[in-house]
Amino acid sequence: MNIPINDSTDRADTPVPAYHAQELESLAIALLAKAGLPASMAAVVAKTLIEGDLLGHDTHGLALLPGYLKELQSGSMQSQGSHVVISDKPAVAVWDGNRLPGPWLIEQGLDMLIPRARALGMASLAIRRSHHIACLAVYLMRAAKEGFLMVLASSDANSASVAPYGGTRAVFTPNPIAIGYPCSSGDVLIDISGSITTNGMCNRKAAAGQTFPENWLMDAQGNPSDDPQVLNQDPAGTILPIGGLTYGHKGYGLALMVEALTGGLAGFGRADPQQGWGATVHITLYDIESFSGESNFLKQMDEIASQCLNNPPRAGVKAVRLPGQGGLAKREDQLKSGVRLHPAIAIGLASFCEQYGQRWPQPIA
């Protein structure tokens, strides 16, 4: 399911307002609670969305909140109950998420996995029928701080916007996969997908009447395109996998890997009837101390980090960075100076603020 952004202004010269993170989080909690989410769930979901914006993933932060609120109102996102345990072994579990909020299910899953991974060296969880899980990089921060290497993958069997390499009909969602681990120069947060761009960015560009800088999509006849409107045509176009028309077998392989980790291991996916916007999730925690030990791990990863960070940059590049380095720096800055939100986000939430009697916070002067 795509979440449209009702905004036609996305110009470089448009001022970007900044807001106190805590005020935005409080507003999100209030809106989610008014829509029927219990306080404990609302707090987790709101925190996750704000963290996405703090890291700079602004299509996977508060931009998702209007869609979440609509899903709560329609009952497609459940607000009561808990997950159901499908399978439970010492190092492996499978849950049915009962379409509860994805961020809450992920945090519940981490609470369960962390002690198991410490005791066993590693532990995995697959979740079927979760609702959308928002920004994957957010969850990596917790795992890295607690001394784990974390692998997190997500697919959504209820929709498709990415074609397999060589094909023209959508089969996959962007199928994100994230890997995070501690490093002395700053935690490494890798959050990528099997597609060149995301549904959220396509929606934003389409609403603004904009195109992409390169041909990141193709129409239903297989012609390359930079116009996200091809996704709304009949028949619909698709987002290209990583590698594009020439080397898209790389993104195609990554998408299949995510499908195996999520739908395959959870036993629920594209072979089942669609149930609405959601997610199938895979989480694995590796306890670093249980392998070679933290000191040996850091010795190796710090050396690789050093070779990357001190690598001579090519023309037009200021410096080589580690994945997540820019996001963590942005997070630190925005916690101090305010969260800079895309103008479409306030527009998208305006009707919900009015409906639930909430006031949009004032920008920081």
Protein backbone atom coordinates (compact mmCIF):
# COMPACT_ATOMS: atom_id res chain seq x y z
CA MET A 1 0.00 0.00 0.00
CA ASN A 2 1.36 3.41 -0.95
CA ILE A 3 0.86 6.39 1.32
CA PRO A 4 0.34 9.53 -0.77
CA ILE A 5 1.83 12.81 0.35
CA ASN A 6 -0.60 15.65 -0.30
CA ASP A 7 1.91 18.28 -1.20
CA SER A 8 2.96 19.93 -4.45
CA THR A 9 5.90 21.90 -3.10
CA ASP A 10 9.27 20.23 -2.92
CA ARG A 11 11.64 22.91 -4.17
CA ALA A 12 15.17 23.50 -3.02
CA ASP A 13 14.35 27.12 -2.18
CA THR A 14 11.43 26.19 0.10
CA PRO A 15 12.30 26.92 3.77
CA VAL A 16 12.38 23.77 5.87
CA PRO A 17 10.88 24.38 9.32
CA ALA A 18 12.46 22.83 12.43
CA TYR A 19 10.62 21.61 15.52
CA HIS A 20 11.57 20.36 18.96
CA ALA A 21 11.75 16.57 18.78
CA GLN A 22 9.93 16.13 22.09
CA GLU A 23 6.99 18.28 20.94
CA LEU A 24 6.66 16.25 17.74
CA GLU A 25 6.83 13.02 19.71
CA SER A 26 4.17 14.21 22.14
CA LEU A 27 1.90 15.17 19.25
CA ALA A 28 2.38 11.77 17.60
CA ILE A 29 1.57 9.99 20.87
CA ALA A 30 -1.58 12.07 21.30
CA LEU A 31 -2.79 11.44 17.75
CA LEU A 32 -2.15 7.69 17.97
CA ALA A 33 -3.89 7.50 21.35
CA LYS A 34 -6.89 9.44 20.01
CA ALA A 35 -7.05 6.95 17.14
CA GLY A 36 -7.33 4.12 19.68
CA LEU A 37 -3.78 2.92 20.33
CA PRO A 38 -2.99 2.14 23.99
CA ALA A 39 -0.50 4.50 25.63
CA SER A 40 2.34 1.95 25.74
CA MET A 41 2.01 1.15 22.03
CA ALA A 42 1.53 4.79 21.05
CA ALA A 43 4.74 5.78 22.84
CA VAL A 44 6.80 3.13 21.04
CA VAL A 45 5.38 3.93 17.61
CA ALA A 46 5.80 7.69 18.06
CA LYS A 47 9.38 7.29 19.30
CA THR A 48 10.27 5.11 16.32
CA LEU A 49 8.82 7.59 13.82
CA ILE A 50 10.61 10.55 15.38
CA GLU A 51 13.89 8.61 15.43
CA GLY A 52 13.46 8.01 11.70
CA ASP A 53 13.18 11.77 11.13
CA LEU A 54 16.12 12.47 13.43
CA LEU A 55 18.28 10.12 11.35
CA GLY A 56 17.18 11.90 8.18
CA HIS A 57 14.90 9.14 6.83
CA ASP A 58 12.08 11.60 6.38
CA THR A 59 9.91 9.37 4.16
CA HIS A 60 9.91 6.79 6.98
CA GLY A 61 9.33 9.04 9.97
CA LEU A 62 6.29 11.20 10.67
CA ALA A 63 5.46 11.04 6.96
CA LEU A 64 4.07 7.58 7.77
CA LEU A 65 1.82 8.80 10.58
CA PRO A 66 -1.19 9.81 8.42
CA GLY A 67 -1.21 6.31 6.95
CA TYR A 68 -0.92 4.71 10.37
CA LEU A 69 -3.83 6.79 11.67
CA LYS A 70 -6.00 5.84 8.71
CA GLU A 71 -5.14 2.18 9.27
CA LEU A 72 -6.15 2.46 12.94
CA GLN A 73 -9.39 4.17 12.02
CA SER A 74 -10.28 1.46 9.50
CA GLY A 75 -9.21 -1.37 11.78
CA SER A 76 -6.53 -2.60 9.39
CA MET A 77 -3.94 -1.84 12.08
CA GLN A 78 -5.02 -3.56 15.27
CA SER A 79 -4.82 -1.67 18.54
CA GLN A 80 -5.57 -4.42 21.05
CA GLY A 81 -4.11 -7.80 21.93
CA SER A 82 -0.71 -9.36 21.49
CA HIS A 83 1.21 -11.59 19.13
CA VAL A 84 0.59 -15.33 18.92
CA VAL A 85 3.53 -17.71 19.22
CA ILE A 86 3.55 -20.07 16.21
CA SER A 87 6.85 -21.76 17.01
CA ASP A 88 9.27 -21.38 19.91
CA LYS A 89 12.66 -23.06 20.22
CA PRO A 90 15.65 -21.82 22.24
CA ALA A 91 17.27 -19.91 19.35
CA VAL A 92 14.35 -19.57 16.92
CA ALA A 93 10.80 -18.28 17.20
CA VAL A 94 7.95 -17.44 14.83
CA TRP A 95 5.17 -15.03 15.79
CA ASP A 96 1.90 -14.04 14.23
CA GLY A 97 1.80 -10.29 14.77
CA ASN A 98 -2.02 -10.09 14.42
CA ARG A 99 -1.51 -6.86 12.41
CA LEU A 100 -0.44 -4.94 15.50
CA PRO A 101 1.83 -1.88 15.08
CA GLY A 102 5.14 -2.95 13.57
CA PRO A 103 7.42 -0.80 15.76
CA TRP A 104 5.82 -2.20 18.90
CA LEU A 105 6.20 -5.78 17.66
CA ILE A 106 9.87 -5.21 16.80
CA GLU A 107 10.61 -3.83 20.27
CA GLN A 108 8.76 -6.75 21.85
CA GLY A 109 10.82 -9.06 19.68
CA LEU A 110 14.10 -7.45 20.75
CA ASP A 111 13.08 -7.76 24.40
CA MET A 112 12.68 -11.49 23.81
CA LEU A 113 15.76 -12.00 21.61
CA ILE A 114 18.40 -10.12 23.62
CA PRO A 115 18.60 -12.51 26.62
CA ARG A 116 18.39 -15.54 24.33
CA ALA A 117 21.18 -14.29 22.08
CA ARG A 118 23.38 -13.59 25.10
CA ALA A 119 22.82 -17.12 26.38
CA LEU A 120 23.05 -18.95 23.05
CA GLY A 121 25.31 -16.70 20.97
CA MET A 122 22.58 -15.84 18.48
CA ALA A 123 18.80 -15.89 18.21
CA SER A 124 16.28 -15.30 15.41
CA LEU A 125 12.64 -14.27 15.14
CA ALA A 126 10.33 -14.27 12.14
CA ILE A 127 7.08 -12.31 12.38
CA ARG A 128 4.16 -12.87 10.05
CA ARG A 129 1.26 -10.40 9.74
CA SER A 130 2.99 -7.46 11.36
CA HIS A 131 1.85 -4.02 10.37
CA HIS A 132 4.42 -1.68 8.77
CA ILE A 133 7.68 -1.39 10.77
CA ALA A 134 8.85 2.12 9.72
CA CYS A 135 12.59 2.93 9.52
CA LEU A 136 14.78 -0.16 9.94
CA ALA A 137 17.89 1.82 10.93
CA VAL A 138 16.20 2.94 14.16
CA TYR A 139 16.24 -0.57 15.61
CA LEU A 140 19.91 -1.11 14.77
CA MET A 141 20.92 1.60 17.23
CA ARG A 142 19.57 -0.33 20.22
CA ALA A 143 21.20 -3.60 19.16
CA ALA A 144 24.61 -2.04 18.51
CA LYS A 145 24.63 -0.24 21.86
CA GLU A 146 23.96 -3.57 23.58
CA GLY A 147 26.86 -5.30 21.81
CA PHE A 148 25.05 -7.15 19.05
CA LEU A 149 25.39 -7.44 15.31
CA MET A 150 21.81 -7.27 14.06
CA VAL A 151 20.25 -8.32 10.77
CA LEU A 152 16.73 -7.06 10.11
CA ALA A 153 14.73 -7.64 6.92
CA SER A 154 11.18 -6.79 5.89
CA SER A 155 8.85 -7.51 3.00
CA ASP A 156 5.19 -6.77 2.34
CA ALA A 157 3.36 -9.56 0.54
CA ASN A 158 0.27 -7.36 0.25
CA SER A 159 1.70 -5.07 -2.40
CA ALA A 160 4.27 -5.03 -5.18
CA SER A 161 6.10 -2.24 -7.00
CA VAL A 162 9.44 -3.80 -8.05
CA ALA A 163 9.79 -6.18 -11.00
CA PRO A 164 12.29 -9.05 -11.09
CA TYR A 165 15.34 -8.45 -13.29
CA GLY A 166 14.33 -8.89 -16.92
CA GLY A 167 10.60 -8.67 -16.15
CA THR A 168 8.04 -5.88 -16.42
CA ARG A 169 5.42 -6.88 -13.80
CA ALA A 170 5.88 -6.02 -10.13
CA VAL A 171 6.50 -8.91 -7.74
CA PHE A 172 8.35 -7.37 -4.78
CA THR A 173 8.16 -4.38 -2.50
CA PRO A 174 11.52 -2.56 -2.13
CA ASN A 175 12.37 -5.31 0.41
CA PRO A 176 14.69 -3.48 2.82
CA ILE A 177 17.44 -5.23 4.73
CA ALA A 178 19.45 -3.63 7.52
CA ILE A 179 22.65 -4.63 9.32
CA GLY A 180 24.08 -2.79 12.30
CA TYR A 181 27.06 -3.31 14.57
CA PRO A 182 29.25 -1.36 17.01
CA CYS A 183 32.43 0.37 15.88
CA SER A 184 34.81 2.61 17.82
CA SER A 185 34.38 5.45 15.32
CA GLY A 186 30.58 5.23 15.61
CA ASP A 187 28.01 2.48 15.19
CA VAL A 188 27.60 1.27 11.62
CA LEU A 189 23.96 1.37 10.45
CA ILE A 190 23.40 -0.17 7.01
CA ASP A 191 19.81 0.28 5.80
CA ILE A 192 19.35 -0.57 2.13
CA SER A 193 16.79 -2.22 -0.13
CA GLY A 194 16.65 -4.37 -3.24
CA SER A 195 15.28 -1.44 -5.27
CA ILE A 196 16.92 1.81 -6.36
CA THR A 197 14.37 3.97 -4.54
CA THR A 198 11.38 3.55 -2.24
CA ASN A 199 7.61 3.77 -2.58
CA GLY A 200 7.59 6.69 -0.16
CA MET A 201 10.00 8.74 -2.24
CA CYS A 202 8.09 7.90 -5.43
CA ASN A 203 4.87 9.12 -3.79
CA ARG A 204 6.51 12.34 -2.66
CA LYS A 205 8.05 13.04 -6.07
CA ALA A 206 4.81 12.24 -7.88
CA ALA A 207 2.78 14.53 -5.62
CA ALA A 208 5.27 17.33 -6.22
CA GLY A 209 5.26 16.79 -10.00
CA GLN A 210 8.96 15.96 -9.90
CA THR A 211 11.11 13.38 -11.61
CA PHE A 212 14.19 11.47 -10.45
CA PRO A 213 17.70 12.49 -11.55
CA GLU A 214 18.08 9.23 -13.48
CA ASN A 215 15.92 6.44 -14.90
CA TRP A 216 15.12 4.63 -11.66
CA LEU A 217 11.81 3.22 -12.91
CA MET A 218 10.33 1.68 -16.03
CA ASP A 219 6.88 1.68 -17.58
CA ALA A 220 4.80 -1.45 -18.09
CA GLN A 221 6.37 -1.98 -21.52
CA GLY A 222 9.87 -2.07 -20.03
CA ASN A 223 10.96 1.41 -21.13
CA PRO A 224 13.25 3.20 -18.63
CA SER A 225 11.74 6.26 -16.95
CA ASP A 226 12.60 8.96 -14.45
CA ASP A 227 8.90 9.74 -13.81
CA PRO A 228 7.30 8.22 -10.69
CA GLN A 229 3.89 8.70 -12.31
CA VAL A 230 4.50 5.45 -14.23
CA LEU A 231 3.57 3.64 -11.01
CA ASN A 232 0.06 5.12 -11.28
CA GLN A 233 -0.50 4.18 -14.92
CA ASP A 234 -2.68 1.29 -16.09
CA PRO A 235 -0.95 -1.07 -16.51
CA ALA A 236 1.43 0.12 -13.81
CA GLY A 237 5.15 0.61 -14.20
CA THR A 238 7.67 -0.53 -11.64
CA ILE A 239 10.67 0.60 -9.62
CA LEU A 240 13.94 -0.83 -10.90
CA PRO A 241 16.03 -3.13 -8.71
CA ILE A 242 19.49 -2.03 -7.57
CA GLY A 243 21.72 -2.13 -10.63
CA GLY A 244 19.02 -0.89 -12.96
CA LEU A 245 18.44 -2.29 -16.42
CA THR A 246 22.07 -3.37 -16.82
CA TYR A 247 23.01 -4.92 -13.47
CA GLY A 248 19.61 -5.34 -11.84
CA HIS A 249 20.31 -9.01 -11.17
CA LYS A 250 22.07 -7.76 -8.02
CA GLY A 251 18.96 -6.09 -6.61
CA TYR A 252 16.84 -8.99 -7.81
CA GLY A 253 19.02 -11.41 -5.85
CA LEU A 254 18.80 -9.20 -2.78
CA ALA A 255 14.99 -9.09 -3.05
CA LEU A 256 14.81 -12.89 -3.25
CA MET A 257 17.08 -13.18 -0.22
CA VAL A 258 14.77 -10.91 1.79
CA GLU A 259 11.72 -12.92 0.66
CA ALA A 260 13.38 -16.13 1.88
CA LEU A 261 14.33 -14.59 5.24
CA THR A 262 10.87 -13.12 5.78
CA GLY A 263 8.03 -14.90 4.00
CA GLY A 264 9.91 -18.17 3.66
CA LEU A 265 11.00 -18.54 7.27
CA ALA A 266 7.77 -17.04 8.64
CA GLY A 267 5.70 -19.39 6.47
CA PHE A 268 3.49 -16.55 5.31
CA GLY A 269 3.86 -14.36 2.25
CA ARG A 270 2.95 -14.01 -1.40
CA ALA A 271 1.35 -17.45 -1.57
CA ASP A 272 -1.34 -16.26 0.88
CA PRO A 273 -4.36 -13.95 0.41
CA GLN A 274 -3.58 -10.26 0.76
CA GLN A 275 -4.68 -8.66 4.02
CA GLY A 276 -3.65 -5.01 3.63
CA TRP A 277 -0.58 -2.85 4.16
CA GLY A 278 1.80 -4.63 6.47
CA ALA A 279 5.06 -6.52 6.82
CA THR A 280 6.68 -9.89 7.24
CA VAL A 281 9.82 -9.52 9.33
CA HIS A 282 13.08 -11.33 10.07
CA ILE A 283 15.37 -10.42 12.99
CA THR A 284 18.64 -12.12 13.95
CA LEU A 285 20.87 -10.97 16.79
CA TYR A 286 24.48 -12.15 16.94
CA ASP A 287 26.13 -11.73 20.35
CA ILE A 288 29.58 -10.43 19.45
CA GLU A 289 31.16 -11.53 22.71
CA SER A 290 30.03 -15.11 22.07
CA PHE A 291 32.01 -15.27 18.82
CA SER A 292 35.58 -13.92 18.80
CA GLY A 293 34.86 -11.44 21.59
CA GLU A 294 34.21 -7.72 21.46
CA SER A 295 37.88 -6.69 21.42
CA ASN A 296 38.69 -8.90 18.43
CA PHE A 297 35.55 -7.80 16.62
CA LEU A 298 36.38 -4.13 17.12
CA LYS A 299 39.99 -4.70 16.08
CA GLN A 300 38.86 -5.99 12.71
CA MET A 301 35.96 -3.60 12.10
CA ASP A 302 37.90 -0.56 13.32
CA GLU A 303 40.68 -1.33 10.84
CA ILE A 304 38.22 -1.59 7.98
CA ALA A 305 36.53 1.61 9.13
CA SER A 306 39.89 3.39 9.24
CA GLN A 307 40.76 2.28 5.72
CA CYS A 308 37.40 3.55 4.49
CA LEU A 309 37.36 6.85 6.37
CA ASN A 310 40.94 7.66 5.37
CA ASN A 311 40.40 6.66 1.76
CA PRO A 312 41.26 9.43 -0.74
CA PRO A 313 37.92 10.78 -1.98
CA ARG A 314 37.18 11.09 -5.68
CA ALA A 315 36.42 14.44 -7.26
CA GLY A 316 33.25 16.01 -5.93
CA VAL A 317 33.21 13.95 -2.73
CA LYS A 318 34.23 15.69 0.50
CA ALA A 319 35.10 12.53 2.40
CA VAL A 320 34.30 8.83 2.58
CA ARG A 321 31.77 8.02 5.31
CA LEU A 322 30.58 4.88 7.02
CA PRO A 323 26.92 3.87 6.61
CA GLY A 324 24.94 5.58 9.34
CA GLN A 325 27.62 8.17 10.09
CA GLY A 326 25.72 10.96 8.40
CA GLY A 327 22.43 9.92 9.99
CA LEU A 328 23.87 9.76 13.50
CA ALA A 329 25.50 13.19 13.05
CA LYS A 330 22.19 14.57 11.79
CA ARG A 331 20.40 13.01 14.76
CA GLU A 332 22.77 14.69 17.22
CA ASP A 333 22.37 18.04 15.47
CA GLN A 334 18.58 17.85 15.24
CA LEU A 335 18.22 16.92 18.90
CA LYS A 336 19.91 20.25 19.64
CA SER A 337 18.66 22.53 16.87
CA GLY A 338 15.33 20.94 15.98
CA VAL A 339 13.95 18.37 13.59
CA ARG A 340 13.75 19.73 10.06
CA LEU A 341 10.56 18.29 8.58
CA HIS A 342 9.59 18.22 4.94
CA PRO A 343 6.65 20.66 4.47
CA ALA A 344 4.42 17.83 3.21
CA ILE A 345 4.41 16.20 6.64
CA ALA A 346 2.56 19.03 8.39
CA ILE A 347 0.09 19.21 5.49
CA GLY A 348 -0.54 15.48 5.65
CA LEU A 349 -1.28 15.61 9.38
CA ALA A 350 -3.37 18.80 9.40
CA SER A 351 -6.74 17.06 9.08
CA PHE A 352 -5.91 14.63 11.90
CA CYS A 353 -4.84 17.45 14.20
CA GLU A 354 -8.17 19.15 13.50
CA GLN A 355 -10.14 15.92 13.93
CA TYR A 356 -8.54 15.06 17.27
CA GLY A 357 -8.23 18.59 18.64
CA GLN A 358 -4.43 18.71 18.59
CA ARG A 359 -2.33 21.74 17.76
CA TRP A 360 0.63 21.48 15.40
CA PRO A 361 3.75 22.72 17.26
CA GLN A 362 5.29 26.06 16.47
CA PRO A 363 8.52 25.97 14.45
CA ILE A 364 11.71 26.93 16.25
CA ALA A 365 12.52 30.53 15.47
